Amino acid sequence: MEARVSHRNQWCRNLLWKIAQRQFASKLVFPEVLMIRITKTKTLQYAWLYLMLLIPGSCAMSRYLNTTLVYGVIIAIYALLALLSAKYRNVYVLSFCLLLALATIVIRLKTGGVGPLSFLSNAAMLVVTYIAMTIDRRMFLTRFVRIVCFFGIISVLFWAAFCINPSLVNAWPATSFWTQNLGTGQWATVLHGKGLWLYSYLEIHATRNCGFYTEPGVYQIVLNAVLFVLLFWKKKLYFDNEKQYRTATVIVLLTLITCQSTTGYLSMMVILLCFFFMRGRERGIRTLKQKLAVLVVAITAVLITDYLLRGEESLLYVQVLNKLFGGGIGGGVNLENSTGQYRWITVMASLKALSMDPFGIGFDAFYAIRDSFDPAAVAASIATYAAVYGVIFWLAMMIMIFYPMIRREPKKILIAVFAFMFINSTVSETYLFYPGLMMFPIYLSSYFTHKQSSVVGHAIATHNPRRSLMVSNLMNAKEVM
């Protein structure tokens, strides 16, 4: 046995040494070719990351683009890539897409209430995330953080400018579009939005930072996903220095605060509490905790001062006390004065639908039941999907979502944090498979599959063939053990 392992290790050494020699030779002879390749990979990944951020929930997708065409093109590109390259044939993503296709076919044959667009939209959210990740797995999380921070800075600047001087919106040369009507008939108030690709100003959320999304609740999903990565998956990030890392954390936190999303605040608080109470061995974690503690204390002091000065017009009252407790904490949780009541109505409608048929009734029949409760009811996708697709398919979807986290994430508390983020967001929003949430199970399912090759590739890319040999031997030894 030992002789066989030794022979295999020697074979790996020779193979890696030849690869390293070819890599170094190509860098010496054709450095400009390598630079073009690296630049193309980086640019391509950022392009797919941007597309990943746009779907779903962006103003561009909801008001400007043909969603059926966009989703269909994404699925077609993935199918082509899977046929041409083995690295895109991820078992997890393919299995998930097959599950969604089966659920769509069965419920459509049963009730006719689920169409091809439902499958395309759900599958496209998984596929766009996986393609963006697969282009460069090692740098995916880092570039995801960077692109979100980039748009975070833009959104905070636009938000601050429009809050300080609302007349600037009229001078802004951006695309204007209809968003919704408040009221009916001649008494209706028509609301508009402006800006699609960098930032969206929405009249209904004039003092809230929505990024380029239709509401702050969608934007917070992306921001809290980045906050999770920054605080809990720091080892998977490749920043040039600690200053960049800390700056990114501050940008995300400040952007989250300007969103003024109650759902976002809840996820943010859970993430921060777990971070403060977890023991971190990474370099600089203690310093980061101290700086974050100072920042949190300062923000809390500002919010309390704002509440004492402005009362019911303060941010703390409007976005927390009024929405969660009906204005005060003495009477317990009370959603009657907030949009939470409409989400709760959707949950109740889902329970009624399940009592009528636990195996799925489709969207058409479910919407009829929900409208009988209240036509204004919205969101609660995690409950809606149970009613639409039935208990069996819903449980299968939940298993697919949470299994990679349970199987691959060593810190159990982080599984609980992800579960809270997922449930908290999908109770509040329309879709179930937001890329900002699905990137975690997809990343874990694909990361470990390609972990050995990426680590060895990184060692070669950093001009350290000796390290690549040591890593290879170590991983081979682990496999034998």
Protein backbone atom coordinates (compact mmCIF):
# COMPACT_ATOMS: atom_id res chain seq x y z
CA MET A 1 0.00 0.00 0.00
CA GLU A 2 2.75 2.45 0.95
CA ALA A 3 4.63 1.65 -2.26
CA ARG A 4 1.50 2.33 -4.31
CA VAL A 5 0.95 5.68 -2.59
CA SER A 6 4.61 6.60 -3.09
CA HIS A 7 4.40 5.72 -6.77
CA ARG A 8 1.27 7.81 -7.19
CA ASN A 9 2.83 10.77 -5.40
CA GLN A 10 5.90 10.55 -7.63
CA TRP A 11 3.69 10.47 -10.71
CA CYS A 12 1.81 13.57 -9.48
CA ARG A 13 5.11 15.34 -8.80
CA ASN A 14 6.32 14.71 -12.34
CA LEU A 15 3.02 15.80 -13.87
CA LEU A 16 2.82 19.00 -11.84
CA TRP A 17 6.45 19.83 -12.57
CA LYS A 18 5.80 19.54 -16.32
CA ILE A 19 2.70 21.74 -16.00
CA ALA A 20 4.67 24.30 -14.00
CA GLN A 21 7.47 24.33 -16.57
CA ARG A 22 5.00 24.93 -19.39
CA GLN A 23 3.25 27.69 -17.45
CA PHE A 24 6.51 29.47 -16.66
CA ALA A 25 7.78 29.07 -20.19
CA SER A 26 4.57 30.55 -21.59
CA LYS A 27 4.85 33.49 -19.20
CA LEU A 28 8.41 34.16 -20.34
CA VAL A 29 7.71 33.83 -24.04
CA PHE A 30 4.12 35.11 -24.30
CA PRO A 31 3.45 37.37 -21.30
CA GLU A 32 1.09 39.62 -23.25
CA VAL A 33 -1.05 36.61 -24.25
CA LEU A 34 -1.42 35.61 -20.61
CA MET A 35 -2.34 39.14 -19.61
CA ILE A 36 -5.06 39.24 -22.29
CA ARG A 37 -6.40 35.92 -21.05
CA ILE A 38 -6.47 37.08 -17.43
CA THR A 39 -8.14 40.34 -18.37
CA LYS A 40 -10.77 38.55 -20.44
CA THR A 41 -11.55 36.16 -17.60
CA LYS A 42 -11.87 39.00 -15.11
CA THR A 43 -14.04 41.09 -17.42
CA LEU A 44 -16.24 38.13 -18.30
CA GLN A 45 -16.78 37.24 -14.66
CA TYR A 46 -17.71 40.79 -13.72
CA ALA A 47 -20.19 40.86 -16.63
CA TRP A 48 -21.89 37.70 -15.38
CA LEU A 49 -21.81 38.98 -11.81
CA TYR A 50 -23.61 42.10 -12.96
CA LEU A 51 -26.21 39.96 -14.73
CA MET A 52 -26.49 37.88 -11.57
CA LEU A 53 -27.26 41.05 -9.61
CA LEU A 54 -29.85 42.20 -12.15
CA ILE A 55 -32.04 39.10 -11.94
CA PRO A 56 -34.46 39.10 -10.38
CA GLY A 57 -35.86 42.23 -8.80
CA SER A 58 -33.98 44.96 -10.65
CA CYS A 59 -35.88 47.81 -12.24
CA ALA A 60 -34.24 47.02 -15.58
CA MET A 61 -35.58 43.47 -15.53
CA SER A 62 -39.05 44.32 -14.29
CA ARG A 63 -39.69 47.42 -16.44
CA TYR A 64 -37.37 47.34 -19.41
CA LEU A 65 -36.13 43.89 -20.41
CA ASN A 66 -38.08 40.94 -21.78
CA THR A 67 -37.72 38.53 -18.87
CA THR A 68 -38.75 35.46 -20.87
CA LEU A 69 -36.10 36.18 -23.48
CA VAL A 70 -33.38 36.93 -20.90
CA TYR A 71 -34.11 33.81 -18.87
CA GLY A 72 -34.32 31.67 -22.00
CA VAL A 73 -30.97 32.96 -23.32
CA ILE A 74 -29.29 32.26 -19.97
CA ILE A 75 -30.60 28.69 -19.92
CA ALA A 76 -29.54 28.17 -23.54
CA ILE A 77 -26.02 29.47 -22.83
CA TYR A 78 -25.72 27.15 -19.85
CA ALA A 79 -26.88 24.16 -21.91
CA LEU A 80 -24.30 24.98 -24.57
CA LEU A 81 -21.52 25.41 -22.00
CA ALA A 82 -22.45 22.14 -20.31
CA LEU A 83 -22.20 20.35 -23.67
CA LEU A 84 -18.85 21.91 -24.55
CA SER A 85 -17.06 21.88 -21.17
CA ALA A 86 -17.08 19.37 -18.33
CA LYS A 87 -16.49 22.05 -15.70
CA TYR A 88 -20.03 23.35 -16.21
CA ARG A 89 -21.63 19.94 -15.61
CA ASN A 90 -22.23 20.37 -11.93
CA VAL A 91 -24.39 17.59 -10.52
CA TYR A 92 -26.05 19.87 -7.98
CA VAL A 93 -27.17 22.53 -10.49
CA LEU A 94 -28.27 19.96 -13.06
CA SER A 95 -30.23 18.01 -10.45
CA PHE A 96 -31.88 21.18 -9.18
CA CYS A 97 -32.89 22.22 -12.69
CA LEU A 98 -34.31 18.75 -13.36
CA LEU A 99 -36.28 18.95 -10.12
CA LEU A 100 -37.73 22.32 -11.14
CA ALA A 101 -38.57 21.00 -14.60
CA LEU A 102 -40.30 17.93 -13.13
CA ALA A 103 -42.28 20.04 -10.66
CA THR A 104 -43.36 22.38 -13.47
CA ILE A 105 -44.48 19.54 -15.73
CA VAL A 106 -46.37 17.67 -13.00
CA ILE A 107 -48.25 20.70 -11.66
CA ARG A 108 -48.99 21.96 -15.17
CA LEU A 109 -50.48 18.59 -16.14
CA LYS A 110 -52.37 18.50 -12.86
CA THR A 111 -53.79 22.04 -12.71
CA GLY A 112 -52.44 24.04 -15.65
CA GLY A 113 -51.40 26.77 -13.26
CA VAL A 114 -47.63 26.70 -13.82
CA GLY A 115 -46.09 27.73 -17.13
CA PRO A 116 -42.68 27.56 -18.83
CA LEU A 117 -41.80 31.06 -17.59
CA SER A 118 -41.95 29.81 -14.00
CA PHE A 119 -39.35 27.17 -14.79
CA LEU A 120 -37.18 29.52 -16.82
CA SER A 121 -37.10 32.20 -14.12
CA ASN A 122 -36.33 29.75 -11.30
CA ALA A 123 -33.70 27.81 -13.24
CA ALA A 124 -32.07 30.97 -14.64
CA MET A 125 -31.40 32.26 -11.12
CA LEU A 126 -29.47 29.08 -10.35
CA VAL A 127 -27.70 28.93 -13.69
CA VAL A 128 -26.57 32.56 -13.84
CA THR A 129 -25.04 32.18 -10.38
CA TYR A 130 -23.23 28.99 -11.33
CA ILE A 131 -21.85 30.39 -14.58
CA ALA A 132 -20.58 33.53 -12.83
CA MET A 133 -18.92 31.31 -10.24
CA THR A 134 -17.41 28.79 -12.61
CA ILE A 135 -15.61 31.38 -14.75
CA ASP A 136 -13.13 31.79 -11.88
CA ARG A 137 -14.09 29.93 -8.69
CA ARG A 138 -11.15 31.16 -6.66
CA MET A 139 -11.92 34.85 -7.27
CA PHE A 140 -15.72 34.61 -7.39
CA LEU A 141 -16.43 35.67 -3.81
CA THR A 142 -13.84 38.45 -3.89
CA ARG A 143 -15.21 39.91 -7.11
CA PHE A 144 -18.78 39.48 -5.86
CA VAL A 145 -17.88 41.57 -2.82
CA ARG A 146 -16.12 44.17 -4.95
CA ILE A 147 -18.92 44.65 -7.48
CA VAL A 148 -21.53 44.96 -4.72
CA CYS A 149 -19.34 47.50 -2.92
CA PHE A 150 -18.87 49.41 -6.18
CA PHE A 151 -22.62 49.74 -6.71
CA GLY A 152 -23.04 50.32 -2.98
CA ILE A 153 -20.89 53.45 -3.16
CA ILE A 154 -22.84 54.67 -6.19
CA SER A 155 -26.18 54.03 -4.49
CA VAL A 156 -25.20 55.82 -1.27
CA LEU A 157 -23.99 58.86 -3.22
CA PHE A 158 -27.18 59.05 -5.30
CA TRP A 159 -29.36 58.44 -2.24
CA ALA A 160 -27.62 61.17 -0.23
CA ALA A 161 -27.79 63.67 -3.11
CA PHE A 162 -31.51 63.10 -3.72
CA CYS A 163 -32.32 63.22 0.00
CA ILE A 164 -30.46 66.50 0.43
CA ASN A 165 -31.80 68.07 -2.77
CA PRO A 166 -34.82 66.20 -4.28
CA SER A 167 -34.92 68.60 -7.25
CA LEU A 168 -31.76 66.93 -8.57
CA VAL A 169 -33.92 63.99 -9.66
CA ASN A 170 -35.51 66.14 -12.37
CA ALA A 171 -32.08 67.18 -13.65
CA TRP A 172 -30.82 63.60 -13.76
CA PRO A 173 -30.70 62.45 -17.42
CA ALA A 174 -31.84 58.87 -16.82
CA THR A 175 -34.64 56.66 -18.12
CA SER A 176 -38.01 57.37 -16.48
CA PHE A 177 -40.60 54.61 -16.10
CA TRP A 178 -43.94 53.84 -14.49
CA THR A 179 -43.85 51.81 -11.29
CA GLN A 180 -47.37 51.61 -9.85
CA ASN A 181 -50.62 53.36 -9.02
CA LEU A 182 -51.81 54.15 -5.52
CA GLY A 183 -55.60 54.17 -5.37
CA THR A 184 -58.06 53.54 -8.21
CA GLY A 185 -59.74 55.47 -10.99
CA GLN A 186 -59.58 59.24 -10.99
CA TRP A 187 -58.25 59.22 -7.43
CA ALA A 188 -55.21 57.14 -8.34
CA THR A 189 -51.74 58.57 -7.84
CA VAL A 190 -49.31 57.49 -10.56
CA LEU A 191 -45.82 56.77 -9.26
CA HIS A 192 -42.68 56.68 -11.37
CA GLY A 193 -39.07 55.69 -11.12
CA LYS A 194 -35.91 56.93 -12.77
CA GLY A 195 -32.65 55.16 -13.59
CA LEU A 196 -32.11 51.52 -14.49
CA TRP A 197 -28.50 50.38 -14.67
CA LEU A 198 -26.57 52.13 -11.88
CA TYR A 199 -29.19 53.42 -9.47
CA SER A 200 -32.98 53.65 -9.41
CA TYR A 201 -34.85 56.48 -7.76
CA LEU A 202 -38.41 55.42 -6.91
CA GLU A 203 -41.05 57.91 -5.86
CA ILE A 204 -42.66 55.38 -3.53
CA HIS A 205 -39.28 54.94 -1.78
CA ALA A 206 -37.99 58.49 -2.20
CA THR A 207 -35.92 58.52 0.99
CA ARG A 208 -34.73 54.90 0.87
CA ASN A 209 -31.75 53.42 -0.94
CA CYS A 210 -33.03 50.78 -3.38
CA GLY A 211 -29.85 50.41 -5.41
CA PHE A 212 -31.10 49.52 -8.90
CA TYR A 213 -33.85 47.29 -7.49
CA THR A 214 -37.61 47.70 -7.26
CA GLU A 215 -37.53 47.95 -3.46
CA PRO A 216 -35.02 48.00 -0.60
CA GLY A 217 -36.06 44.50 0.51
CA VAL A 218 -34.52 43.02 -2.62
CA TYR A 219 -31.34 45.07 -2.31
CA GLN A 220 -30.78 43.93 1.27
CA ILE A 221 -30.54 40.30 0.13
CA VAL A 222 -27.41 41.07 -1.89
CA LEU A 223 -25.92 43.30 0.82
CA ASN A 224 -26.46 40.79 3.64
CA ALA A 225 -25.02 38.04 1.46
CA VAL A 226 -21.84 40.11 1.09
CA LEU A 227 -21.81 40.85 4.83
CA PHE A 228 -22.04 37.11 5.53
CA VAL A 229 -19.08 36.43 3.22
CA LEU A 230 -16.99 39.24 4.70
CA LEU A 231 -17.50 38.27 8.32
CA PHE A 232 -17.67 34.48 8.14
CA TRP A 233 -15.85 33.44 4.96
CA LYS A 234 -12.89 35.79 5.13
CA LYS A 235 -10.43 32.96 4.38
CA LYS A 236 -12.05 32.53 0.98
CA LEU A 237 -11.40 36.17 0.01
CA TYR A 238 -8.32 37.59 -1.71
CA PHE A 239 -7.91 41.24 -0.80
CA ASP A 240 -4.62 43.04 -1.22
CA ASN A 241 -4.59 44.17 2.40
CA GLU A 242 -6.65 44.44 5.57
CA LYS A 243 -7.62 48.03 4.81
CA GLN A 244 -9.51 46.94 1.68
CA TYR A 245 -11.30 44.27 3.69
CA ARG A 246 -12.35 46.65 6.46
CA THR A 247 -13.40 49.30 3.94
CA ALA A 248 -15.63 46.81 2.15
CA THR A 249 -17.26 45.86 5.45
CA VAL A 250 -18.01 49.49 6.32
CA ILE A 251 -19.42 50.18 2.84
CA VAL A 252 -21.81 47.23 3.08
CA LEU A 253 -22.99 48.18 6.56
CA LEU A 254 -23.60 51.81 5.64
CA THR A 255 -25.44 50.81 2.47
CA LEU A 256 -27.62 48.41 4.47
CA ILE A 257 -28.54 51.18 6.87
CA THR A 258 -29.52 53.54 4.04
CA CYS A 259 -31.81 50.85 2.58
CA GLN A 260 -34.09 51.23 5.63
CA SER A 261 -35.39 47.70 5.14
CA THR A 262 -36.77 46.05 8.27
CA THR A 263 -36.06 42.63 6.79
CA GLY A 264 -32.51 43.73 6.03
CA TYR A 265 -32.02 45.07 9.53
CA LEU A 266 -33.12 41.76 11.06
CA SER A 267 -30.67 39.73 8.95
CA MET A 268 -27.91 42.25 9.58
CA MET A 269 -28.43 42.10 13.35
CA VAL A 270 -28.36 38.30 13.39
CA ILE A 271 -25.15 38.28 11.33
CA LEU A 272 -23.47 40.86 13.56
CA LEU A 273 -24.53 39.16 16.81
CA CYS A 274 -23.18 35.81 15.65
CA PHE A 275 -19.98 37.45 14.47
CA PHE A 276 -19.37 39.20 17.79
CA PHE A 277 -19.97 36.05 19.83
CA MET A 278 -18.07 33.64 17.57
CA ARG A 279 -14.41 32.96 18.17
CA GLY A 280 -12.37 33.92 15.14
CA ARG A 281 -8.79 32.84 14.55
CA GLU A 282 -8.29 34.78 11.34
CA ARG A 283 -5.81 37.62 11.36
CA GLY A 284 -7.33 40.96 12.23
CA ILE A 285 -10.68 39.59 13.44
CA ARG A 286 -10.28 41.04 16.93
CA THR A 287 -9.41 44.45 15.50
CA LEU A 288 -12.38 44.27 13.13
CA LYS A 289 -14.71 43.36 15.98
CA GLN A 290 -13.51 46.35 17.95
CA LYS A 291 -14.01 48.72 15.02
CA LEU A 292 -17.42 47.27 14.21
CA ALA A 293 -18.45 47.55 17.85
CA VAL A 294 -17.55 51.25 17.81
CA LEU A 295 -19.46 51.71 14.55
CA VAL A 296 -22.54 49.87 15.87
CA VAL A 297 -22.53 51.90 19.10
CA ALA A 298 -22.23 55.14 17.12
CA ILE A 299 -25.09 54.18 14.77
CA THR A 300 -27.27 53.10 17.70
CA ALA A 301 -26.64 56.42 19.45
CA VAL A 302 -27.61 58.31 16.28
CA LEU A 303 -30.82 56.26 15.88
CA ILE A 304 -31.83 56.78 19.51
CA THR A 305 -31.11 60.50 19.29
CA ASP A 306 -33.14 60.68 16.07
CA TYR A 307 -36.02 58.88 17.81
CA LEU A 308 -35.93 61.21 20.82
CA LEU A 309 -35.92 64.30 18.58
CA ARG A 310 -38.36 63.30 15.83
CA GLY A 311 -40.48 60.63 17.47
CA GLU A 312 -42.84 58.94 15.00
CA GLU A 313 -40.96 60.43 12.04
CA SER A 314 -37.65 58.89 13.07
CA LEU A 315 -36.00 56.01 11.23
CA LEU A 316 -36.12 53.77 14.31
CA TYR A 317 -39.87 54.26 14.72
CA VAL A 318 -40.85 54.03 11.04
CA GLN A 319 -38.73 51.02 10.06
CA VAL A 320 -38.57 49.01 13.30
CA LEU A 321 -40.99 49.93 16.07
CA ASN A 322 -43.98 50.68 13.87
CA LYS A 323 -43.46 47.73 11.52
CA LEU A 324 -42.70 45.07 14.13
CA PHE A 325 -44.52 46.25 17.23
CA GLY A 326 -47.21 48.61 15.97
CA GLY A 327 -45.38 51.60 17.38
CA GLY A 328 -44.24 50.24 20.73
CA ILE A 329 -42.76 47.10 22.25
CA GLY A 330 -45.15 46.76 25.18
CA GLY A 331 -47.82 44.84 23.28
CA GLY A 332 -45.53 42.34 21.57
CA VAL A 333 -45.19 41.76 17.83
CA ASN A 334 -47.91 43.55 15.86
CA LEU A 335 -47.84 43.71 12.05
CA GLU A 336 -51.12 45.55 11.52
CA ASN A 337 -49.44 48.88 10.79
CA SER A 338 -46.87 47.55 8.33
CA THR A 339 -46.55 45.75 5.02
CA GLY A 340 -45.93 42.61 7.10
CA GLN A 341 -49.70 42.13 7.36
CA TYR A 342 -49.93 41.58 3.59
CA ARG A 343 -47.18 38.98 3.72
CA TRP A 344 -48.91 37.27 6.62
CA ILE A 345 -52.13 37.16 4.57
CA THR A 346 -50.20 35.35 1.82
CA VAL A 347 -49.00 32.81 4.39
CA MET A 348 -52.58 32.25 5.57
CA ALA A 349 -53.75 31.84 1.97
CA SER A 350 -50.98 29.27 1.41
CA LEU A 351 -52.10 27.29 4.45
CA LYS A 352 -55.67 27.29 3.18
CA ALA A 353 -54.50 26.11 -0.25
CA LEU A 354 -52.49 23.30 1.32
CA SER A 355 -55.52 22.21 3.35
CA MET A 356 -57.49 21.99 0.11
CA ASP A 357 -54.81 20.14 -1.86
CA PRO A 358 -51.39 19.39 -0.32
CA PHE A 359 -49.96 18.29 -3.68
CA GLY A 360 -50.01 21.66 -5.41
CA ILE A 361 -52.69 23.83 -7.00
CA GLY A 362 -50.64 26.03 -9.35
CA PHE A 363 -50.31 29.79 -9.43
CA ASP A 364 -53.73 30.61 -10.94
CA ALA A 365 -55.75 28.81 -8.27
CA PHE A 366 -53.48 30.09 -5.51
CA TYR A 367 -53.80 33.72 -6.61
CA ALA A 368 -57.59 33.32 -6.62
CA ILE A 369 -57.47 32.11 -3.00
CA ARG A 370 -55.07 34.86 -1.98
CA ASP A 371 -57.21 37.56 -3.60
CA SER A 372 -60.23 36.27 -1.68
CA PHE A 373 -58.32 37.13 1.51
CA ASP A 374 -57.00 40.51 0.30
CA PRO A 375 -56.09 41.63 -3.24
CA ALA A 376 -53.20 43.63 -1.74
CA ALA A 377 -51.50 40.50 -0.33
CA VAL A 378 -47.97 39.99 -1.66
CA ALA A 379 -44.65 38.15 -1.31
CA ALA A 380 -44.09 35.23 1.14
CA SER A 381 -42.57 33.11 -1.64
CA ILE A 382 -41.48 30.37 0.75
CA ALA A 383 -45.13 29.76 1.62
CA THR A 384 -46.41 30.45 -1.90
CA TYR A 385 -44.19 27.78 -3.45
CA ALA A 386 -45.49 25.20 -0.99
CA ALA A 387 -49.07 25.92 -2.06
CA VAL A 388 -48.26 26.12 -5.77
CA TYR A 389 -45.97 23.09 -6.15
CA GLY A 390 -47.22 20.99 -3.24
CA VAL A 391 -45.57 19.65 -0.12
CA ILE A 392 -43.50 16.95 -1.82
CA PHE A 393 -41.82 19.20 -4.38
CA TRP A 394 -41.47 22.01 -1.80
CA LEU A 395 -39.66 19.70 0.62
CA ALA A 396 -37.41 18.51 -2.20
CA MET A 397 -36.54 22.15 -3.01
CA MET A 398 -35.80 22.89 0.65
CA ILE A 399 -33.52 19.85 0.87
CA MET A 400 -31.67 20.95 -2.27
CA ILE A 401 -31.22 24.45 -0.83
CA PHE A 402 -30.04 23.51 2.65
CA TYR A 403 -28.20 20.22 2.10
CA PRO A 404 -24.91 21.75 0.81
CA MET A 405 -24.82 24.09 3.80
CA ILE A 406 -25.49 21.26 6.25
CA ARG A 407 -23.02 18.94 4.52
CA ARG A 408 -20.17 21.35 3.77
CA GLU A 409 -20.31 24.19 6.28
CA PRO A 410 -18.32 23.08 9.38
CA LYS A 411 -19.65 25.81 11.68
CA LYS A 412 -23.21 24.86 12.54
CA ILE A 413 -24.07 28.34 13.75
CA LEU A 414 -23.50 29.61 10.20
CA ILE A 415 -26.07 27.11 8.92
CA ALA A 416 -28.56 28.66 11.33
CA VAL A 417 -27.59 32.18 10.20
CA PHE A 418 -28.10 31.22 6.54
CA ALA A 419 -31.43 29.58 7.38
CA PHE A 420 -32.59 32.77 9.10
CA MET A 421 -31.44 34.92 6.17
CA PHE A 422 -33.23 32.66 3.71
CA ILE A 423 -36.52 32.41 5.61
CA ASN A 424 -36.49 36.07 6.60
CA SER A 425 -35.99 37.19 3.00
CA THR A 426 -38.31 34.73 1.25
CA VAL A 427 -41.13 35.51 3.68
CA SER A 428 -40.77 39.14 2.63
CA GLU A 429 -40.17 38.77 -1.11
CA THR A 430 -41.72 37.29 -4.24
CA TYR A 431 -39.07 34.83 -5.50
CA LEU A 432 -37.58 31.80 -3.79
CA PHE A 433 -34.25 31.39 -5.59
CA TYR A 434 -32.59 34.79 -5.32
CA PRO A 435 -28.97 34.50 -6.55
CA GLY A 436 -27.79 36.37 -3.45
CA LEU A 437 -29.09 33.47 -1.36
CA MET A 438 -28.54 30.56 -3.73
CA MET A 439 -24.86 31.43 -4.21
CA PHE A 440 -24.11 29.83 -0.83
CA PRO A 441 -25.32 26.25 -1.54
CA ILE A 442 -24.11 26.47 -5.14
CA TYR A 443 -20.68 27.65 -4.04
CA LEU A 444 -20.30 24.91 -1.45
CA SER A 445 -21.52 22.22 -3.83
CA SER A 446 -19.05 23.25 -6.55
CA TYR A 447 -16.15 24.54 -4.44
CA PHE A 448 -15.27 21.21 -2.87
CA THR A 449 -15.57 19.41 -6.20
CA HIS A 450 -12.82 21.56 -7.68
CA LYS A 451 -10.93 22.44 -4.53
CA GLN A 452 -7.81 20.39 -5.25
CA SER A 453 -7.36 21.65 -8.82
CA SER A 454 -7.90 25.29 -7.81
CA VAL A 455 -5.42 25.13 -4.94
CA VAL A 456 -2.76 23.53 -7.10
CA GLY A 457 -3.49 26.03 -9.88
CA HIS A 458 -3.10 28.92 -7.45
CA ALA A 459 0.25 27.56 -6.28
CA ILE A 460 1.49 27.38 -9.87
CA ALA A 461 0.14 30.84 -10.70
CA THR A 462 2.07 32.32 -7.79
CA HIS A 463 5.40 31.02 -9.21
CA ASN A 464 5.79 28.43 -6.45
CA PRO A 465 6.12 24.93 -7.93
CA ARG A 466 7.50 23.58 -4.66
CA ARG A 467 4.35 24.70 -2.86
CA SER A 468 2.18 23.10 -5.53
CA LEU A 469 3.97 19.79 -5.01
CA MET A 470 3.58 20.04 -1.25
CA VAL A 471 -0.14 20.84 -1.57
CA SER A 472 -0.68 17.98 -3.98
CA ASN A 473 1.11 15.50 -1.71
CA LEU A 474 -0.80 16.70 1.32
CA MET A 475 -4.17 16.36 -0.41
CA ASN A 476 -3.25 12.94 -1.74
CA ALA A 477 -2.28 11.86 1.75
CA LYS A 478 -5.66 13.08 3.05
CA GLU A 479 -7.47 11.10 0.38
CA VAL A 480 -5.57 7.92 1.32
CA MET A 481 -6.28 8.43 5.01
